[in-house]
Amino acid sequence: MKRALYAGSFDPITLGHIDIIERASKLFDEVTVSVVINLEKKTMFDFEERMDMVREVTKHLPNVRVDRCTGLLADYVNENRFDVVVRGLRGMSDFDSEREMAELHRHLYRFGTETMFLISKGEYAFISSSMSKQVVSLGGDGTKLLPPYVIEKMKGKLGK
């Protein structure tokens, strides 16, 4: 059985993230979507809220499970013996930083885990969580950026 990990802060999870998860779910027997702590990011949603949103928008995928990673990603990968870590690429600017991270992880993974890059579909290549938060917080239409469940959670958080 081939097991993949797709990890991110998912603050919030976007349509682009969901596309990567759906595509990965067709390639692997099991995909774990792990909500991670990114100390460099100030989040809009707390850990449990992000876990809830990821669970809700992936519930239609029977081979996808949601988990959390509170420490070093490489430790989490090694403890769970994932075969592949999936990363989404929106464009060339993502490639450089993601490649560096993949090379670092290659030295930290103990069981031959590979990193696989999935390139975003054109309609999602411009979407980022931070841009999505800005659009919705300023009253814009987020329907091409975020799932309806996430938009409602954001509006509730913003008092709109």
N, C-alpha and C. Protein backbone atom coordinates (compact mmCIF):
# COMPACT_ATOMS: atom_id res chain seq x y z
N MET A 1 0.85 -1.18 0.00
CA MET A 1 0.00 0.00 0.00
C MET A 1 0.89 1.24 0.00
N LYS A 2 0.64 2.15 -0.91
CA LYS A 2 1.39 3.40 -1.00
C LYS A 2 0.66 4.49 -0.24
N ARG A 3 1.40 5.10 0.68
CA ARG A 3 0.83 6.12 1.55
C ARG A 3 1.53 7.45 1.29
N ALA A 4 0.72 8.50 1.16
CA ALA A 4 1.25 9.83 0.90
C ALA A 4 0.83 10.80 1.99
N LEU A 5 1.65 11.81 2.16
CA LEU A 5 1.39 12.89 3.09
C LEU A 5 1.31 14.20 2.33
N TYR A 6 0.30 15.00 2.64
CA TYR A 6 0.21 16.36 2.13
C TYR A 6 0.07 17.24 3.36
N ALA A 7 1.08 18.02 3.64
CA ALA A 7 1.11 18.82 4.86
C ALA A 7 1.10 20.31 4.55
N GLY A 8 0.49 21.07 5.42
CA GLY A 8 0.47 22.52 5.27
C GLY A 8 -0.20 23.16 6.46
N SER A 9 -0.13 24.48 6.51
CA SER A 9 -0.80 25.18 7.61
C SER A 9 -2.30 25.31 7.33
N PHE A 10 -2.70 25.35 6.06
CA PHE A 10 -4.11 25.36 5.67
C PHE A 10 -4.90 26.42 6.45
N ASP A 11 -4.42 27.65 6.36
CA ASP A 11 -5.04 28.77 7.09
C ASP A 11 -5.53 29.84 6.12
N PRO A 12 -6.64 29.58 5.44
CA PRO A 12 -7.47 28.39 5.43
C PRO A 12 -7.13 27.50 4.24
N ILE A 13 -7.78 26.33 4.19
CA ILE A 13 -7.64 25.44 3.05
C ILE A 13 -8.37 26.07 1.86
N THR A 14 -7.72 26.07 0.71
CA THR A 14 -8.26 26.71 -0.49
C THR A 14 -8.70 25.66 -1.52
N LEU A 15 -9.33 26.13 -2.58
CA LEU A 15 -9.69 25.24 -3.68
C LEU A 15 -8.45 24.63 -4.32
N GLY A 16 -7.35 25.37 -4.33
CA GLY A 16 -6.10 24.83 -4.86
C GLY A 16 -5.59 23.67 -4.02
N HIS A 17 -5.64 23.82 -2.70
CA HIS A 17 -5.25 22.71 -1.82
C HIS A 17 -6.13 21.48 -2.07
N ILE A 18 -7.43 21.72 -2.17
CA ILE A 18 -8.37 20.61 -2.36
C ILE A 18 -8.09 19.90 -3.68
N ASP A 19 -7.77 20.64 -4.72
CA ASP A 19 -7.44 20.03 -6.00
C ASP A 19 -6.23 19.10 -5.86
N ILE A 20 -5.20 19.55 -5.16
CA ILE A 20 -4.00 18.72 -4.96
C ILE A 20 -4.38 17.46 -4.17
N ILE A 21 -5.19 17.61 -3.14
CA ILE A 21 -5.60 16.46 -2.33
C ILE A 21 -6.40 15.47 -3.17
N GLU A 22 -7.34 15.97 -3.96
CA GLU A 22 -8.15 15.08 -4.80
C GLU A 22 -7.29 14.33 -5.80
N ARG A 23 -6.36 15.03 -6.42
CA ARG A 23 -5.48 14.38 -7.40
C ARG A 23 -4.56 13.36 -6.73
N ALA A 24 -4.05 13.69 -5.56
CA ALA A 24 -3.19 12.75 -4.83
C ALA A 24 -3.99 11.52 -4.41
N SER A 25 -5.26 11.71 -4.06
CA SER A 25 -6.09 10.59 -3.62
C SER A 25 -6.31 9.57 -4.74
N LYS A 26 -6.15 9.99 -5.98
CA LYS A 26 -6.26 9.07 -7.12
C LYS A 26 -4.95 8.33 -7.38
N LEU A 27 -3.85 8.86 -6.87
CA LEU A 27 -2.53 8.27 -7.11
C LEU A 27 -2.07 7.32 -6.02
N PHE A 28 -2.61 7.51 -4.81
CA PHE A 28 -2.13 6.74 -3.66
C PHE A 28 -3.29 6.03 -2.97
N ASP A 29 -2.95 4.94 -2.30
CA ASP A 29 -3.96 4.17 -1.57
C ASP A 29 -4.52 4.97 -0.40
N GLU A 30 -3.64 5.72 0.26
CA GLU A 30 -4.04 6.54 1.40
C GLU A 30 -3.29 7.86 1.36
N VAL A 31 -4.02 8.94 1.60
CA VAL A 31 -3.42 10.27 1.69
C VAL A 31 -3.76 10.85 3.06
N THR A 32 -2.72 11.23 3.78
CA THR A 32 -2.92 11.92 5.05
C THR A 32 -2.69 13.41 4.82
N VAL A 33 -3.68 14.20 5.16
CA VAL A 33 -3.54 15.65 5.12
C VAL A 33 -3.23 16.07 6.54
N SER A 34 -2.06 16.63 6.72
CA SER A 34 -1.62 17.00 8.06
C SER A 34 -1.56 18.51 8.21
N VAL A 35 -2.26 18.99 9.20
CA VAL A 35 -2.22 20.42 9.54
C VAL A 35 -0.98 20.62 10.42
N VAL A 36 -0.12 21.53 9.98
CA VAL A 36 1.14 21.75 10.70
C VAL A 36 1.16 23.13 11.34
N ILE A 37 2.03 23.25 12.31
CA ILE A 37 2.29 24.55 12.91
C ILE A 37 3.43 25.18 12.14
N ASN A 38 3.20 26.39 11.65
CA ASN A 38 4.25 27.15 10.98
C ASN A 38 4.53 28.37 11.85
N LEU A 39 5.66 28.35 12.53
CA LEU A 39 5.97 29.42 13.48
C LEU A 39 6.16 30.78 12.83
N GLU A 40 6.35 30.78 11.50
CA GLU A 40 6.56 32.04 10.78
C GLU A 40 5.23 32.71 10.40
N LYS A 41 4.14 31.99 10.54
CA LYS A 41 2.84 32.53 10.13
C LYS A 41 1.96 32.85 11.32
N LYS A 42 1.31 34.01 11.24
CA LYS A 42 0.27 34.36 12.20
C LYS A 42 -1.04 33.88 11.58
N THR A 43 -1.71 32.97 12.25
CA THR A 43 -2.89 32.35 11.66
C THR A 43 -4.19 33.06 12.04
N MET A 44 -5.14 32.98 11.15
CA MET A 44 -6.49 33.49 11.42
C MET A 44 -7.27 32.46 12.24
N PHE A 45 -7.06 31.20 11.92
CA PHE A 45 -7.79 30.11 12.57
C PHE A 45 -6.87 29.33 13.48
N ASP A 46 -7.41 28.88 14.62
CA ASP A 46 -6.58 28.06 15.50
C ASP A 46 -6.48 26.64 14.92
N PHE A 47 -5.67 25.85 15.57
CA PHE A 47 -5.37 24.51 15.10
C PHE A 47 -6.63 23.67 14.90
N GLU A 48 -7.51 23.66 15.89
CA GLU A 48 -8.73 22.84 15.81
C GLU A 48 -9.66 23.33 14.70
N GLU A 49 -9.75 24.63 14.51
CA GLU A 49 -10.59 25.18 13.44
C GLU A 49 -10.07 24.75 12.07
N ARG A 50 -8.76 24.79 11.90
CA ARG A 50 -8.17 24.37 10.63
C ARG A 50 -8.38 22.87 10.40
N MET A 51 -8.23 22.07 11.46
CA MET A 51 -8.47 20.63 11.35
C MET A 51 -9.93 20.38 10.94
N ASP A 52 -10.85 21.08 11.55
CA ASP A 52 -12.27 20.94 11.23
C ASP A 52 -12.53 21.27 9.76
N MET A 53 -11.99 22.37 9.28
CA MET A 53 -12.23 22.77 7.90
C MET A 53 -11.66 21.73 6.92
N VAL A 54 -10.46 21.23 7.19
CA VAL A 54 -9.87 20.22 6.31
C VAL A 54 -10.72 18.96 6.32
N ARG A 55 -11.15 18.53 7.49
CA ARG A 55 -12.01 17.33 7.57
C ARG A 55 -13.29 17.52 6.75
N GLU A 56 -13.91 18.68 6.93
CA GLU A 56 -15.19 18.93 6.25
C GLU A 56 -15.05 18.92 4.74
N VAL A 57 -14.03 19.57 4.21
CA VAL A 57 -13.93 19.71 2.75
C VAL A 57 -13.29 18.51 2.07
N THR A 58 -12.82 17.53 2.86
CA THR A 58 -12.26 16.31 2.27
C THR A 58 -13.08 15.07 2.60
N LYS A 59 -14.22 15.25 3.24
CA LYS A 59 -15.00 14.10 3.68
C LYS A 59 -15.54 13.25 2.53
N HIS A 60 -15.55 13.80 1.32
CA HIS A 60 -16.00 13.05 0.15
C HIS A 60 -14.93 12.10 -0.40
N LEU A 61 -13.75 12.12 0.18
CA LEU A 61 -12.63 11.30 -0.29
C LEU A 61 -12.37 10.18 0.72
N PRO A 62 -12.80 8.97 0.43
CA PRO A 62 -12.72 7.89 1.42
C PRO A 62 -11.30 7.47 1.81
N ASN A 63 -10.32 7.74 0.98
CA ASN A 63 -8.94 7.33 1.31
C ASN A 63 -8.09 8.48 1.85
N VAL A 64 -8.77 9.55 2.26
CA VAL A 64 -8.07 10.70 2.85
C VAL A 64 -8.39 10.77 4.33
N ARG A 65 -7.34 10.92 5.12
CA ARG A 65 -7.52 11.12 6.56
C ARG A 65 -6.82 12.42 6.95
N VAL A 66 -7.26 13.00 8.04
CA VAL A 66 -6.71 14.27 8.50
C VAL A 66 -6.02 14.04 9.84
N ASP A 67 -4.83 14.63 9.97
CA ASP A 67 -4.04 14.48 11.18
C ASP A 67 -3.36 15.81 11.48
N ARG A 68 -2.56 15.82 12.51
CA ARG A 68 -1.83 17.03 12.89
C ARG A 68 -0.35 16.71 13.02
N CYS A 69 0.45 17.70 12.77
CA CYS A 69 1.90 17.60 12.96
C CYS A 69 2.31 18.81 13.78
N THR A 70 2.80 18.55 14.99
CA THR A 70 3.14 19.66 15.89
C THR A 70 4.64 19.85 16.05
N GLY A 71 5.42 19.02 15.39
CA GLY A 71 6.87 19.15 15.50
C GLY A 71 7.52 19.23 14.14
N LEU A 72 8.70 18.69 14.05
CA LEU A 72 9.45 18.68 12.80
C LEU A 72 8.79 17.74 11.80
N LEU A 73 8.53 18.23 10.60
CA LEU A 73 7.85 17.44 9.59
C LEU A 73 8.60 16.14 9.30
N ALA A 74 9.91 16.19 9.22
CA ALA A 74 10.69 14.98 8.93
C ALA A 74 10.48 13.93 10.01
N ASP A 75 10.39 14.33 11.26
CA ASP A 75 10.12 13.37 12.34
C ASP A 75 8.76 12.72 12.15
N TYR A 76 7.77 13.53 11.80
CA TYR A 76 6.42 13.02 11.56
C TYR A 76 6.43 12.02 10.40
N VAL A 77 7.13 12.36 9.32
CA VAL A 77 7.24 11.47 8.16
C VAL A 77 7.90 10.16 8.56
N ASN A 78 8.99 10.24 9.29
CA ASN A 78 9.70 9.03 9.70
C ASN A 78 8.87 8.16 10.65
N GLU A 79 8.19 8.78 11.60
CA GLU A 79 7.36 8.04 12.56
C GLU A 79 6.22 7.30 11.86
N ASN A 80 5.70 7.91 10.81
CA ASN A 80 4.55 7.33 10.11
C ASN A 80 4.93 6.57 8.84
N ARG A 81 6.19 6.59 8.48
CA ARG A 81 6.72 5.85 7.33
C ARG A 81 5.93 6.08 6.04
N PHE A 82 5.73 7.36 5.72
CA PHE A 82 5.07 7.69 4.46
C PHE A 82 5.99 7.35 3.31
N ASP A 83 5.41 6.93 2.19
CA ASP A 83 6.19 6.64 0.99
C ASP A 83 6.55 7.92 0.25
N VAL A 84 5.59 8.86 0.26
CA VAL A 84 5.73 10.08 -0.53
C VAL A 84 5.19 11.26 0.26
N VAL A 85 5.87 12.40 0.10
CA VAL A 85 5.35 13.68 0.58
C VAL A 85 4.97 14.47 -0.66
N VAL A 86 3.71 14.83 -0.76
CA VAL A 86 3.18 15.57 -1.90
C VAL A 86 3.28 17.06 -1.60
N ARG A 87 3.76 17.81 -2.59
CA ARG A 87 3.82 19.26 -2.48
C ARG A 87 3.19 19.85 -3.74
N GLY A 88 2.41 20.90 -3.57
CA GLY A 88 1.80 21.58 -4.70
C GLY A 88 2.66 22.75 -5.14
N LEU A 89 2.76 22.93 -6.44
CA LEU A 89 3.52 24.05 -7.00
C LEU A 89 2.58 24.93 -7.81
N ARG A 90 2.53 26.22 -7.46
CA ARG A 90 1.72 27.16 -8.22
C ARG A 90 2.49 27.73 -9.39
N GLY A 91 3.79 27.86 -9.26
CA GLY A 91 4.60 28.45 -10.32
C GLY A 91 6.07 28.31 -10.00
N MET A 92 6.90 28.91 -10.82
CA MET A 92 8.34 28.78 -10.66
C MET A 92 8.84 29.37 -9.34
N SER A 93 8.17 30.39 -8.85
CA SER A 93 8.61 30.97 -7.58
C SER A 93 8.47 29.96 -6.44
N ASP A 94 7.45 29.11 -6.50
CA ASP A 94 7.30 28.05 -5.50
C ASP A 94 8.38 26.99 -5.66
N PHE A 95 8.77 26.73 -6.90
CA PHE A 95 9.69 25.62 -7.16
C PHE A 95 11.01 25.76 -6.40
N ASP A 96 11.60 26.93 -6.43
CA ASP A 96 12.91 27.10 -5.79
C ASP A 96 12.87 26.80 -4.30
N SER A 97 11.89 27.36 -3.60
CA SER A 97 11.83 27.11 -2.15
C SER A 97 11.43 25.67 -1.85
N GLU A 98 10.52 25.12 -2.64
CA GLU A 98 10.09 23.73 -2.42
C GLU A 98 11.22 22.75 -2.72
N ARG A 99 12.01 23.03 -3.74
CA ARG A 99 13.14 22.17 -4.07
C ARG A 99 14.16 22.16 -2.93
N GLU A 100 14.46 23.34 -2.40
CA GLU A 100 15.39 23.42 -1.27
C GLU A 100 14.88 22.60 -0.08
N MET A 101 13.60 22.72 0.21
CA MET A 101 13.01 21.97 1.31
C MET A 101 13.07 20.47 1.04
N ALA A 102 12.79 20.07 -0.19
CA ALA A 102 12.84 18.65 -0.54
C ALA A 102 14.26 18.10 -0.38
N GLU A 103 15.25 18.87 -0.75
CA GLU A 103 16.64 18.42 -0.60
C GLU A 103 17.02 18.29 0.87
N LEU A 104 16.60 19.23 1.68
CA LEU A 104 16.84 19.14 3.12
C LEU A 104 16.18 17.88 3.68
N HIS A 105 14.92 17.68 3.31
CA HIS A 105 14.20 16.52 3.82
C HIS A 105 14.81 15.21 3.36
N ARG A 106 15.35 15.18 2.16
CA ARG A 106 15.99 13.96 1.65
C ARG A 106 17.05 13.46 2.65
N HIS A 107 17.72 14.40 3.31
CA HIS A 107 18.76 14.04 4.29
C HIS A 107 18.16 13.65 5.64
N LEU A 108 16.94 14.07 5.90
CA LEU A 108 16.31 13.81 7.19
C LEU A 108 15.40 12.58 7.19
N TYR A 109 14.85 12.23 6.02
CA TYR A 109 13.98 11.06 5.94
C TYR A 109 14.83 9.79 6.06
N ARG A 110 14.36 8.85 6.87
CA ARG A 110 15.14 7.65 7.12
C ARG A 110 14.72 6.44 6.30
N PHE A 111 13.57 6.47 5.66
CA PHE A 111 13.07 5.26 5.01
C PHE A 111 12.85 5.44 3.51
N GLY A 112 13.61 6.32 2.88
CA GLY A 112 13.52 6.48 1.44
C GLY A 112 12.29 7.23 0.95
N THR A 113 11.68 8.01 1.81
CA THR A 113 10.51 8.80 1.42
C THR A 113 10.91 9.77 0.31
N GLU A 114 10.08 9.85 -0.71
CA GLU A 114 10.31 10.76 -1.83
C GLU A 114 9.37 11.95 -1.73
N THR A 115 9.78 13.05 -2.33
CA THR A 115 8.92 14.23 -2.46
C THR A 115 8.39 14.25 -3.88
N MET A 116 7.08 14.43 -4.04
CA MET A 116 6.46 14.52 -5.35
C MET A 116 5.79 15.88 -5.48
N PHE A 117 6.08 16.56 -6.58
CA PHE A 117 5.47 17.86 -6.85
C PHE A 117 4.30 17.68 -7.81
N LEU A 118 3.15 18.23 -7.43
CA LEU A 118 2.00 18.29 -8.32
C LEU A 118 1.80 19.76 -8.69
N ILE A 119 1.75 20.02 -9.97
CA ILE A 119 1.61 21.39 -10.45
C ILE A 119 0.14 21.78 -10.44
N SER A 120 -0.14 22.94 -9.90
CA SER A 120 -1.53 23.42 -9.81
C SER A 120 -2.13 23.56 -11.19
N LYS A 121 -3.42 23.26 -11.26
CA LYS A 121 -4.16 23.55 -12.47
C LYS A 121 -4.20 25.07 -12.65
N GLY A 122 -4.30 25.51 -13.88
CA GLY A 122 -4.27 26.94 -14.18
C GLY A 122 -5.26 27.76 -13.39
N GLU A 123 -6.46 27.22 -13.19
CA GLU A 123 -7.48 28.00 -12.48
C GLU A 123 -7.20 28.18 -11.00
N TYR A 124 -6.20 27.43 -10.47
CA TYR A 124 -5.86 27.54 -9.05
C TYR A 124 -4.46 28.10 -8.83
N ALA A 125 -3.72 28.32 -9.88
CA ALA A 125 -2.31 28.69 -9.76
C ALA A 125 -2.08 30.04 -9.07
N PHE A 126 -3.08 30.87 -9.04
CA PHE A 126 -2.93 32.21 -8.43
C PHE A 126 -3.41 32.26 -6.99
N ILE A 127 -3.99 31.17 -6.50
CA ILE A 127 -4.64 31.19 -5.18
C ILE A 127 -3.63 30.93 -4.06
N SER A 128 -3.68 31.77 -3.06
CA SER A 128 -2.93 31.53 -1.82
C SER A 128 -3.88 31.74 -0.65
N SER A 129 -3.56 31.12 0.47
CA SER A 129 -4.39 31.31 1.66
C SER A 129 -4.41 32.77 2.08
N SER A 130 -3.25 33.42 2.06
CA SER A 130 -3.19 34.81 2.51
C SER A 130 -4.00 35.73 1.60
N MET A 131 -3.92 35.50 0.28
CA MET A 131 -4.71 36.31 -0.65
C MET A 131 -6.20 36.06 -0.43
N SER A 132 -6.57 34.80 -0.20
CA SER A 132 -7.97 34.46 0.01
C SER A 132 -8.52 35.15 1.25
N LYS A 133 -7.72 35.14 2.33
CA LYS A 133 -8.14 35.83 3.56
C LYS A 133 -8.37 37.31 3.30
N GLN A 134 -7.48 37.91 2.54
CA GLN A 134 -7.60 39.35 2.27
C GLN A 134 -8.86 39.65 1.46
N VAL A 135 -9.11 38.85 0.43
CA VAL A 135 -10.29 39.08 -0.41
C VAL A 135 -11.57 39.00 0.42
N VAL A 136 -11.72 37.93 1.19
CA VAL A 136 -12.94 37.75 1.97
C VAL A 136 -13.05 38.80 3.08
N SER A 137 -11.94 39.12 3.74
CA SER A 137 -12.00 40.09 4.84
C SER A 137 -12.36 41.49 4.34
N LEU A 138 -12.07 41.77 3.07
CA LEU A 138 -12.42 43.08 2.51
C LEU A 138 -13.76 43.06 1.78
N GLY A 139 -14.51 41.96 1.95
CA GLY A 139 -15.85 41.90 1.39
C GLY A 139 -15.93 41.38 -0.03
N GLY A 140 -14.83 40.89 -0.56
CA GLY A 140 -14.83 40.38 -1.93
C GLY A 140 -15.44 39.00 -2.04
N ASP A 141 -15.65 38.58 -3.29
CA ASP A 141 -16.23 37.27 -3.59
C ASP A 141 -15.13 36.21 -3.56
N GLY A 142 -15.18 35.33 -2.58
CA GLY A 142 -14.16 34.30 -2.46
C GLY A 142 -14.55 32.97 -3.05
N THR A 143 -15.65 32.90 -3.81
CA THR A 143 -16.16 31.62 -4.28
C THR A 143 -15.24 30.91 -5.28
N LYS A 144 -14.36 31.62 -5.94
CA LYS A 144 -13.42 30.97 -6.86
C LYS A 144 -12.09 30.65 -6.16
N LEU A 145 -12.03 30.95 -4.86
CA LEU A 145 -10.81 30.75 -4.09
C LEU A 145 -10.96 29.70 -3.00
N LEU A 146 -12.14 29.67 -2.38
CA LEU A 146 -12.36 28.87 -1.18
C LEU A 146 -13.67 28.09 -1.27
N PRO A 147 -13.73 26.93 -0.60
CA PRO A 147 -15.01 26.22 -0.54
C PRO A 147 -16.02 27.00 0.30
N PRO A 148 -17.31 26.82 0.01
CA PRO A 148 -18.35 27.56 0.75
C PRO A 148 -18.24 27.40 2.28
N TYR A 149 -17.93 26.21 2.76
CA TYR A 149 -17.81 25.97 4.20
C TYR A 149 -16.75 26.89 4.81
N VAL A 150 -15.64 27.02 4.12
CA VAL A 150 -14.54 27.86 4.61
C VAL A 150 -14.92 29.33 4.57
N ILE A 151 -15.60 29.75 3.52
CA ILE A 151 -16.05 31.14 3.43
C ILE A 151 -16.96 31.47 4.61
N GLU A 152 -17.89 30.57 4.93
CA GLU A 152 -18.79 30.81 6.06
C GLU A 152 -18.02 30.90 7.37
N LYS A 153 -17.03 30.04 7.54
CA LYS A 153 -16.21 30.08 8.77
C LYS A 153 -15.45 31.41 8.85
N MET A 154 -14.94 31.87 7.71
CA MET A 154 -14.22 33.15 7.70
C MET A 154 -15.14 34.31 8.03
N LYS A 155 -16.32 34.31 7.42
CA LYS A 155 -17.28 35.39 7.68
C LYS A 155 -17.68 35.38 9.15
N GLY A 156 -17.85 34.21 9.73
CA GLY A 156 -18.17 34.13 11.15
C GLY A 156 -17.04 34.68 12.01
N LYS A 157 -15.84 34.38 11.65
CA LYS A 157 -14.67 34.85 12.40
C LYS A 157 -14.53 36.36 12.26
N LEU A 158 -14.89 36.88 11.09
CA LEU A 158 -14.77 38.33 10.83
C LEU A 158 -16.00 39.11 11.30
N GLY A 159 -17.05 38.39 11.74
CA GLY A 159 -18.27 39.06 12.18
C GLY A 159 -19.08 39.62 11.04
N LYS A 160 -19.02 38.98 9.88
CA LYS A 160 -19.77 39.48 8.71
C LYS A 160 -20.95 38.60 8.41
